PDB file of N, CA and C in Angstrom:
ATOM      1  N   MET A   1      -2.855 -43.961  -6.115  1.00  0.00           N
ATOM      2  CA  MET A   1      -2.146 -43.112  -5.163  1.00  0.00           C
ATOM      3  C   MET A   1      -2.957 -43.110  -3.868  1.00  0.00           C
ATOM      4  N   SER A   2      -2.295 -43.282  -2.770  1.00  0.00           N
ATOM      5  CA  SER A   2      -2.996 -43.318  -1.493  1.00  0.00           C
ATOM      6  C   SER A   2      -3.340 -41.906  -1.039  1.00  0.00           C
ATOM      7  N   ASP A   3      -4.281 -41.816  -0.108  1.00  0.00           N
ATOM      8  CA  ASP A   3      -4.652 -40.505   0.447  1.00  0.00           C
ATOM      9  C   ASP A   3      -3.447 -39.837   1.094  1.00  0.00           C
ATOM     10  N   GLN A   4      -2.612 -40.624   1.734  1.00  0.00           N
ATOM     11  CA  GLN A   4      -1.442 -40.071   2.419  1.00  0.00           C
ATOM     12  C   GLN A   4      -0.465 -39.456   1.408  1.00  0.00           C
ATOM     13  N   THR A   5      -0.256 -40.119   0.281  1.00  0.00           N
ATOM     14  CA  THR A   5       0.644 -39.599  -0.738  1.00  0.00           C
ATOM     15  C   THR A   5       0.096 -38.313  -1.331  1.00  0.00           C
ATOM     16  N   GLU A   6      -1.203 -38.291  -1.632  1.00  0.00           N
ATOM     17  CA  GLU A   6      -1.813 -37.065  -2.157  1.00  0.00           C
ATOM     18  C   GLU A   6      -1.655 -35.917  -1.175  1.00  0.00           C
ATOM     19  N   HIS A   7      -1.882 -36.190   0.082  1.00  0.00           N
ATOM     20  CA  HIS A   7      -1.757 -35.164   1.115  1.00  0.00           C
ATOM     21  C   HIS A   7      -0.333 -34.624   1.171  1.00  0.00           C
ATOM     22  N   ALA A   8       0.656 -35.496   1.054  1.00  0.00           N
ATOM     23  CA  ALA A   8       2.058 -35.072   1.088  1.00  0.00           C
ATOM     24  C   ALA A   8       2.364 -34.171  -0.107  1.00  0.00           C
ATOM     25  N   ASN A   9       1.834 -34.506  -1.278  1.00  0.00           N
ATOM     26  CA  ASN A   9       2.060 -33.684  -2.466  1.00  0.00           C
ATOM     27  C   ASN A   9       1.451 -32.297  -2.302  1.00  0.00           C
ATOM     28  N   VAL A  10       0.299 -32.222  -1.709  1.00  0.00           N
ATOM     29  CA  VAL A  10      -0.346 -30.930  -1.477  1.00  0.00           C
ATOM     30  C   VAL A  10       0.495 -30.095  -0.534  1.00  0.00           C
ATOM     31  N   LEU A  11       1.034 -30.712   0.505  1.00  0.00           N
ATOM     32  CA  LEU A  11       1.872 -29.984   1.444  1.00  0.00           C
ATOM     33  C   LEU A  11       3.139 -29.482   0.774  1.00  0.00           C
ATOM     34  N   LEU A  12       3.737 -30.285  -0.091  1.00  0.00           N
ATOM     35  CA  LEU A  12       4.941 -29.860  -0.794  1.00  0.00           C
ATOM     36  C   LEU A  12       4.644 -28.676  -1.713  1.00  0.00           C
ATOM     37  N   LEU A  13       3.521 -28.737  -2.407  1.00  0.00           N
ATOM     38  CA  LEU A  13       3.143 -27.642  -3.280  1.00  0.00           C
ATOM     39  C   LEU A  13       2.915 -26.380  -2.459  1.00  0.00           C
ATOM     40  N   THR A  14       2.238 -26.522  -1.346  1.00  0.00           N
ATOM     41  CA  THR A  14       1.976 -25.376  -0.494  1.00  0.00           C
ATOM     42  C   THR A  14       3.283 -24.805   0.041  1.00  0.00           C
ATOM     43  N   ASP A  15       4.212 -25.649   0.456  1.00  0.00           N
ATOM     44  CA  ASP A  15       5.510 -25.184   0.933  1.00  0.00           C
ATOM     45  C   ASP A  15       6.263 -24.470  -0.182  1.00  0.00           C
ATOM     46  N   SER A  16       6.188 -25.009  -1.394  1.00  0.00           N
ATOM     47  CA  SER A  16       6.869 -24.401  -2.532  1.00  0.00           C
ATOM     48  C   SER A  16       6.285 -23.027  -2.825  1.00  0.00           C
ATOM     49  N   GLU A  17       4.970 -22.909  -2.808  1.00  0.00           N
ATOM     50  CA  GLU A  17       4.319 -21.620  -3.054  1.00  0.00           C
ATOM     51  C   GLU A  17       4.683 -20.622  -1.968  1.00  0.00           C
ATOM     52  N   ALA A  18       4.726 -21.074  -0.739  1.00  0.00           N
ATOM     53  CA  ALA A  18       5.095 -20.196   0.370  1.00  0.00           C
ATOM     54  C   ALA A  18       6.535 -19.710   0.201  1.00  0.00           C
ATOM     55  N   TYR A  19       7.404 -20.600  -0.235  1.00  0.00           N
ATOM     56  CA  TYR A  19       8.809 -20.235  -0.452  1.00  0.00           C
ATOM     57  C   TYR A  19       8.915 -19.189  -1.562  1.00  0.00           C
ATOM     58  N   GLN A  20       8.176 -19.377  -2.651  1.00  0.00           N
ATOM     59  CA  GLN A  20       8.191 -18.412  -3.758  1.00  0.00           C
ATOM     60  C   GLN A  20       7.647 -17.059  -3.313  1.00  0.00           C
ATOM     61  N   ALA A  21       6.561 -17.074  -2.553  1.00  0.00           N
ATOM     62  CA  ALA A  21       5.973 -15.819  -2.078  1.00  0.00           C
ATOM     63  C   ALA A  21       6.945 -15.088  -1.166  1.00  0.00           C
ATOM     64  N   GLU A  22       7.632 -15.817  -0.316  1.00  0.00           N
ATOM     65  CA  GLU A  22       8.617 -15.203   0.587  1.00  0.00           C
ATOM     66  C   GLU A  22       9.761 -14.593  -0.214  1.00  0.00           C
ATOM     67  N   GLY A  23      10.201 -15.282  -1.251  1.00  0.00           N
ATOM     68  CA  GLY A  23      11.257 -14.756  -2.105  1.00  0.00           C
ATOM     69  C   GLY A  23      10.822 -13.494  -2.829  1.00  0.00           C
ATOM     70  N   GLN A  24       9.575 -13.472  -3.273  1.00  0.00           N
ATOM     71  CA  GLN A  24       9.054 -12.287  -3.955  1.00  0.00           C
ATOM     72  C   GLN A  24       8.973 -11.111  -2.984  1.00  0.00           C
ATOM     73  N   ARG A  25       8.490 -11.357  -1.765  1.00  0.00           N
ATOM     74  CA  ARG A  25       8.421 -10.291  -0.753  1.00  0.00           C
ATOM     75  C   ARG A  25       9.803  -9.744  -0.445  1.00  0.00           C
ATOM     76  N   ALA A  26      10.777 -10.619  -0.316  1.00  0.00           N
ATOM     77  CA  ALA A  26      12.141 -10.184  -0.023  1.00  0.00           C
ATOM     78  C   ALA A  26      12.686  -9.338  -1.176  1.00  0.00           C
ATOM     79  N   ALA A  27      12.396  -9.745  -2.403  1.00  0.00           N
ATOM     80  CA  ALA A  27      12.862  -8.973  -3.562  1.00  0.00           C
ATOM     81  C   ALA A  27      12.203  -7.601  -3.596  1.00  0.00           C
ATOM     82  N   GLU A  28      10.899  -7.554  -3.313  1.00  0.00           N
ATOM     83  CA  GLU A  28      10.193  -6.272  -3.306  1.00  0.00           C
ATOM     84  C   GLU A  28      10.721  -5.354  -2.213  1.00  0.00           C
ATOM     85  N   GLU A  29      11.034  -5.928  -1.060  1.00  0.00           N
ATOM     86  CA  GLU A  29      11.530  -5.126   0.052  1.00  0.00           C
ATOM     87  C   GLU A  29      12.925  -4.571  -0.230  1.00  0.00           C
ATOM     88  N   SER A  30      13.658  -5.204  -1.132  1.00  0.00           N
ATOM     89  CA  SER A  30      15.002  -4.713  -1.450  1.00  0.00           C
ATOM     90  C   SER A  30      14.953  -3.521  -2.409  1.00  0.00           C
ATOM     91  N   ILE A  31      13.801  -3.293  -3.039  1.00  0.00           N
ATOM     92  CA  ILE A  31      13.636  -2.145  -3.936  1.00  0.00           C
ATOM     93  C   ILE A  31      13.284  -0.938  -3.079  1.00  0.00           C
ATOM     94  N   PRO A  32      14.008   0.158  -3.217  1.00  0.00           N
ATOM     95  CA  PRO A  32      13.684   1.343  -2.435  1.00  0.00           C
ATOM     96  C   PRO A  32      12.227   1.771  -2.653  1.00  0.00           C
ATOM     97  N   ILE A  33      11.593   2.257  -1.612  1.00  0.00           N
ATOM     98  CA  ILE A  33      10.182   2.657  -1.662  1.00  0.00           C
ATOM     99  C   ILE A  33       9.922   3.563  -2.857  1.00  0.00           C
ATOM    100  N   ARG A  34      10.750   4.538  -3.066  1.00  0.00           N
ATOM    101  CA  ARG A  34      10.536   5.545  -4.113  1.00  0.00           C
ATOM    102  C   ARG A  34      10.509   4.927  -5.508  1.00  0.00           C
ATOM    103  N   GLU A  35      11.233   3.819  -5.701  1.00  0.00           N
ATOM    104  CA  GLU A  35      11.325   3.194  -7.020  1.00  0.00           C
ATOM    105  C   GLU A  35      10.215   2.186  -7.292  1.00  0.00           C
ATOM    106  N   ARG A  36       9.407   1.880  -6.297  1.00  0.00           N
ATOM    107  CA  ARG A  36       8.323   0.920  -6.497  1.00  0.00           C
ATOM    108  C   ARG A  36       7.209   1.577  -7.296  1.00  0.00           C
ATOM    109  N   THR A  37       6.614   0.809  -8.190  1.00  0.00           N
ATOM    110  CA  THR A  37       5.558   1.362  -9.020  1.00  0.00           C
ATOM    111  C   THR A  37       4.207   1.353  -8.315  1.00  0.00           C
ATOM    112  N   GLU A  38       3.978   0.375  -7.462  1.00  0.00           N
ATOM    113  CA  GLU A  38       2.700   0.278  -6.768  1.00  0.00           C
ATOM    114  C   GLU A  38       2.739   1.048  -5.461  1.00  0.00           C
ATOM    115  N   MET A  39       1.630   1.712  -5.178  1.00  0.00           N
ATOM    116  CA  MET A  39       1.519   2.460  -3.929  1.00  0.00           C
ATOM    117  C   MET A  39       1.629   1.510  -2.744  1.00  0.00           C
ATOM    118  N   PRO A  40       2.374   1.896  -1.717  1.00  0.00           N
ATOM    119  CA  PRO A  40       2.404   1.070  -0.510  1.00  0.00           C
ATOM    120  C   PRO A  40       0.997   0.985   0.101  1.00  0.00           C
ATOM    121  N   ASP A  41       0.806   0.039   0.950  1.00  0.00           N
ATOM    122  CA  ASP A  41      -0.466  -0.096   1.661  1.00  0.00           C
ATOM    123  C   ASP A  41      -0.803   1.236   2.318  1.00  0.00           C
ATOM    124  N   ILE A  42      -2.034   1.673   2.205  1.00  0.00           N
ATOM    125  CA  ILE A  42      -2.448   2.969   2.746  1.00  0.00           C
ATOM    126  C   ILE A  42      -2.263   3.021   4.265  1.00  0.00           C
ATOM    127  N   ARG A  43      -2.176   1.859   4.892  1.00  0.00           N
ATOM    128  CA  ARG A  43      -1.961   1.825   6.351  1.00  0.00           C
ATOM    129  C   ARG A  43      -0.493   1.997   6.715  1.00  0.00           C
ATOM    130  N   ALA A  44       0.371   2.147   5.718  1.00  0.00           N
ATOM    131  CA  ALA A  44       1.803   2.344   5.986  1.00  0.00           C
ATOM    132  C   ALA A  44       2.001   3.654   6.734  1.00  0.00           C
ATOM    133  N   SER A  45       3.181   3.826   7.274  1.00  0.00           N
ATOM    134  CA  SER A  45       3.474   5.050   8.022  1.00  0.00           C
ATOM    135  C   SER A  45       3.430   6.266   7.101  1.00  0.00           C
ATOM    136  N   VAL A  46       3.203   7.407   7.692  1.00  0.00           N
ATOM    137  CA  VAL A  46       3.195   8.663   6.940  1.00  0.00           C
ATOM    138  C   VAL A  46       4.525   8.821   6.212  1.00  0.00           C
ATOM    139  N   GLY A  47       5.616   8.540   6.895  1.00  0.00           N
ATOM    140  CA  GLY A  47       6.942   8.663   6.297  1.00  0.00           C
ATOM    141  C   GLY A  47       7.119   7.783   5.073  1.00  0.00           C
ATOM    142  N   THR A  48       6.642   6.547   5.145  1.00  0.00           N
ATOM    143  CA  THR A  48       6.754   5.626   4.014  1.00  0.00           C
ATOM    144  C   THR A  48       5.957   6.142   2.826  1.00  0.00           C
ATOM    145  N   LEU A  49       4.736   6.600   3.083  1.00  0.00           N
ATOM    146  CA  LEU A  49       3.908   7.111   1.993  1.00  0.00           C
ATOM    147  C   LEU A  49       4.507   8.373   1.374  1.00  0.00           C
ATOM    148  N   LEU A  50       5.022   9.254   2.213  1.00  0.00           N
ATOM    149  CA  LEU A  50       5.642  10.477   1.693  1.00  0.00           C
ATOM    150  C   LEU A  50       6.911  10.165   0.907  1.00  0.00           C
ATOM    151  N   GLU A  51       7.645   9.172   1.353  1.00  0.00           N
ATOM    152  CA  GLU A  51       8.848   8.760   0.624  1.00  0.00           C
ATOM    153  C   GLU A  51       8.468   8.241  -0.754  1.00  0.00           C
ATOM    154  N   TRP A  52       7.394   7.460  -0.835  1.00  0.00           N
ATOM    155  CA  TRP A  52       6.950   6.920  -2.119  1.00  0.00           C
ATOM    156  C   TRP A  52       6.477   8.050  -3.039  1.00  0.00           C
ATOM    157  N   VAL A  53       5.781   9.019  -2.485  1.00  0.00           N
ATOM    158  CA  VAL A  53       5.261  10.138  -3.276  1.00  0.00           C
ATOM    159  C   VAL A  53       6.385  11.026  -3.783  1.00  0.00           C
ATOM    160  N   GLY A  54       7.315  11.390  -2.899  1.00  0.00           N
ATOM    161  CA  GLY A  54       8.372  12.321  -3.285  1.00  0.00           C
ATOM    162  C   GLY A  54       7.750  13.635  -3.727  1.00  0.00           C
ATOM    163  N   SER A  55       8.076  14.085  -4.930  1.00  0.00           N
ATOM    164  CA  SER A  55       7.491  15.323  -5.450  1.00  0.00           C
ATOM    165  C   SER A  55       6.549  15.041  -6.618  1.00  0.00           C
ATOM    166  N   ASP A  56       6.094  13.807  -6.728  1.00  0.00           N
ATOM    167  CA  ASP A  56       5.226  13.375  -7.824  1.00  0.00           C
ATOM    168  C   ASP A  56       3.769  13.730  -7.521  1.00  0.00           C
ATOM    169  N   ALA A  57       3.226  14.689  -8.259  1.00  0.00           N
ATOM    170  CA  ALA A  57       1.856  15.166  -8.014  1.00  0.00           C
ATOM    171  C   ALA A  57       0.818  14.074  -8.241  1.00  0.00           C
ATOM    172  N   GLU A  58       1.047  13.221  -9.218  1.00  0.00           N
ATOM    173  CA  GLU A  58       0.094  12.137  -9.495  1.00  0.00           C
ATOM    174  C   GLU A  58       0.051  11.141  -8.340  1.00  0.00           C
ATOM    175  N   ARG A  59       1.219  10.786  -7.831  1.00  0.00           N
ATOM    176  CA  ARG A  59       1.265   9.874  -6.679  1.00  0.00           C
ATOM    177  C   ARG A  59       0.638  10.532  -5.449  1.00  0.00           C
ATOM    178  N   ALA A  60       0.915  11.819  -5.273  1.00  0.00           N
ATOM    179  CA  ALA A  60       0.344  12.529  -4.124  1.00  0.00           C
ATOM    180  C   ALA A  60      -1.174  12.487  -4.191  1.00  0.00           C
ATOM    181  N   GLN A  61      -1.732  12.698  -5.367  1.00  0.00           N
ATOM    182  CA  GLN A  61      -3.192  12.673  -5.518  1.00  0.00           C
ATOM    183  C   GLN A  61      -3.741  11.272  -5.272  1.00  0.00           C
ATOM    184  N   GLN A  62      -3.017  10.276  -5.733  1.00  0.00           N
ATOM    185  CA  GLN A  62      -3.438   8.892  -5.526  1.00  0.00           C
ATOM    186  C   GLN A  62      -3.520   8.571  -4.031  1.00  0.00           C
ATOM    187  N   VAL A  63      -2.493   8.957  -3.279  1.00  0.00           N
ATOM    188  CA  VAL A  63      -2.489   8.699  -1.833  1.00  0.00           C
ATOM    189  C   VAL A  63      -3.560   9.546  -1.149  1.00  0.00           C
ATOM    190  N   LEU A  64      -3.700  10.802  -1.551  1.00  0.00           N
ATOM    191  CA  LEU A  64      -4.729  11.672  -0.975  1.00  0.00           C
ATOM    192  C   LEU A  64      -6.122  11.080  -1.151  1.00  0.00           C
ATOM    193  N   ASP A  65      -6.417  10.615  -2.348  1.00  0.00           N
ATOM    194  CA  ASP A  65      -7.731  10.022  -2.615  1.00  0.00           C
ATOM    195  C   ASP A  65      -8.005   8.840  -1.705  1.00  0.00           C
ATOM    196  N   ARG A  66      -7.008   7.968  -1.564  1.00  0.00           N
ATOM    197  CA  ARG A  66      -7.180   6.786  -0.698  1.00  0.00           C
ATOM    198  C   ARG A  66      -7.300   7.200   0.760  1.00  0.00           C
ATOM    199  N   GLU A  67      -6.448   8.127   1.202  1.00  0.00           N
ATOM    200  CA  GLU A  67      -6.456   8.546   2.609  1.00  0.00           C
ATOM    201  C   GLU A  67      -7.758   9.263   2.950  1.00  0.00           C
ATOM    202  N   ASN A  68      -8.229  10.122   2.064  1.00  0.00           N
ATOM    203  CA  ASN A  68      -9.466  10.866   2.331  1.00  0.00           C
ATOM    204  C   ASN A  68     -10.706   9.988   2.313  1.00  0.00           C
ATOM    205  N   SER A  69     -10.590   8.790   1.759  1.00  0.00           N
ATOM    206  CA  SER A  69     -11.725   7.871   1.778  1.00  0.00           C
ATOM    207  C   SER A  69     -11.782   7.065   3.081  1.00  0.00           C
ATOM    208  N   ALA A  70     -10.780   7.202   3.917  1.00  0.00           N
ATOM    209  CA  ALA A  70     -10.740   6.494   5.202  1.00  0.00           C
ATOM    210  C   ALA A  70     -11.701   7.151   6.193  1.00  0.00           C
ATOM    211  N   ASP A  71     -12.101   6.399   7.199  1.00  0.00           N
ATOM    212  CA  ASP A  71     -12.989   6.936   8.237  1.00  0.00           C
ATOM    213  C   ASP A  71     -12.348   8.120   8.947  1.00  0.00           C
ATOM    214  N   LYS A  72     -11.062   8.006   9.238  1.00  0.00           N
ATOM    215  CA  LYS A  72     -10.339   9.075   9.936  1.00  0.00           C
ATOM    216  C   LYS A  72      -9.041   9.364   9.190  1.00  0.00           C
ATOM    217  N   PRO A  73      -9.096  10.215   8.164  1.00  0.00           N
ATOM    218  CA  PRO A  73      -7.862  10.539   7.439  1.00  0.00           C
ATOM    219  C   PRO A  73      -6.832  11.176   8.379  1.00  0.00           C
ATOM    220  N   ARG A  74      -5.575  10.839   8.170  1.00  0.00           N
ATOM    221  CA  ARG A  74      -4.505  11.397   8.995  1.00  0.00           C
ATOM    222  C   ARG A  74      -4.198  12.820   8.521  1.00  0.00           C
ATOM    223  N   SER A  75      -4.453  13.778   9.392  1.00  0.00           N
ATOM    224  CA  SER A  75      -4.278  15.186   9.012  1.00  0.00           C
ATOM    225  C   SER A  75      -2.835  15.499   8.629  1.00  0.00           C
ATOM    226  N   THR A  76      -1.878  14.869   9.301  1.00  0.00           N
ATOM    227  CA  THR A  76      -0.477  15.142   8.972  1.00  0.00           C
ATOM    228  C   THR A  76      -0.148  14.696   7.549  1.00  0.00           C
ATOM    229  N   LEU A  77      -0.701  13.580   7.139  1.00  0.00           N
ATOM    230  CA  LEU A  77      -0.464  13.078   5.790  1.00  0.00           C
ATOM    231  C   LEU A  77      -1.168  13.959   4.763  1.00  0.00           C
ATOM    232  N   VAL A  78      -2.415  14.278   5.022  1.00  0.00           N
ATOM    233  CA  VAL A  78      -3.185  15.110   4.095  1.00  0.00           C
ATOM    234  C   VAL A  78      -2.520  16.476   3.927  1.00  0.00           C
ATOM    235  N   GLU A  79      -2.115  17.081   5.032  1.00  0.00           N
ATOM    236  CA  GLU A  79      -1.485  18.411   4.967  1.00  0.00           C
ATOM    237  C   GLU A  79      -0.153  18.376   4.221  1.00  0.00           C
ATOM    238  N   ALA A  80       0.574  17.285   4.323  1.00  0.00           N
ATOM    239  CA  ALA A  80       1.849  17.169   3.627  1.00  0.00           C
ATOM    240  C   ALA A  80       1.654  16.902   2.134  1.00  0.00           C
ATOM    241  N   LEU A  81       0.580  16.212   1.782  1.00  0.00           N
ATOM    242  CA  LEU A  81       0.356  15.831   0.386  1.00  0.00           C
ATOM    243  C   LEU A  81      -0.329  16.910  -0.440  1.00  0.00           C
ATOM    244  N   GLU A  82      -1.176  17.711   0.169  1.00  0.00           N
ATOM    245  CA  GLU A  82      -1.949  18.689  -0.600  1.00  0.00           C
ATOM    246  C   GLU A  82      -1.081  19.626  -1.443  1.00  0.00           C
ATOM    247  N   PRO A  83      -0.005  20.216  -0.895  1.00  0.00           N
ATOM    248  CA  PRO A  83       0.820  21.088  -1.732  1.00  0.00           C
ATOM    249  C   PRO A  83       1.481  20.351  -2.904  1.00  0.00           C
ATOM    250  N   VAL A  84       1.852  19.106  -2.687  1.00  0.00           N
ATOM    251  CA  VAL A  84       2.488  18.321  -3.760  1.00  0.00           C
ATOM    252  C   VAL A  84       1.469  18.032  -4.847  1.00  0.00           C
ATOM    253  N   ALA A  85       0.267  17.621  -4.448  1.00  0.00           N
ATOM    254  CA  ALA A  85      -0.783  17.327  -5.422  1.00  0.00           C
ATOM    255  C   ALA A  85      -1.193  18.583  -6.188  1.00  0.00           C
ATOM    256  N   ASP A  86      -1.265  19.704  -5.497  1.00  0.00           N
ATOM    257  CA  ASP A  86      -1.673  20.970  -6.128  1.00  0.00           C
ATOM    258  C   ASP A  86      -0.611  21.500  -7.095  1.00  0.00           C
ATOM    259  N   ALA A  87       0.633  21.104  -6.907  1.00  0.00           N
ATOM    260  CA  ALA A  87       1.718  21.578  -7.765  1.00  0.00           C
ATOM    261  C   ALA A  87       1.646  20.940  -9.157  1.00  0.00           C
ATOM    262  N   GLY A  88       0.878  19.859  -9.271  1.00  0.00           N
ATOM    263  CA  GLY A  88       0.805  19.136 -10.548  1.00  0.00           C
ATOM    264  C   GLY A  88      -0.164  19.725 -11.429  1.00  0.00           C
TER     265      GLY A  88
END
């Protein structure tokens, strides 16, 4: 097999993996935030994180722990989550 052929195969594999990853992202994005099992990225908007938490005290505590470990926790997020976490 020539170097050029090997290189082409690597590019095809990489394109295929990229296509699969894009399909997975699209599928995940079609699931409502509240129904996702994994916490959204902590850098997500306050609204997105609160939507994911809903009234779930365990989720609220999970987000609170991550947010409070940040250099500058967002006070609006912390203040909104504390009552939910305390209710659990």
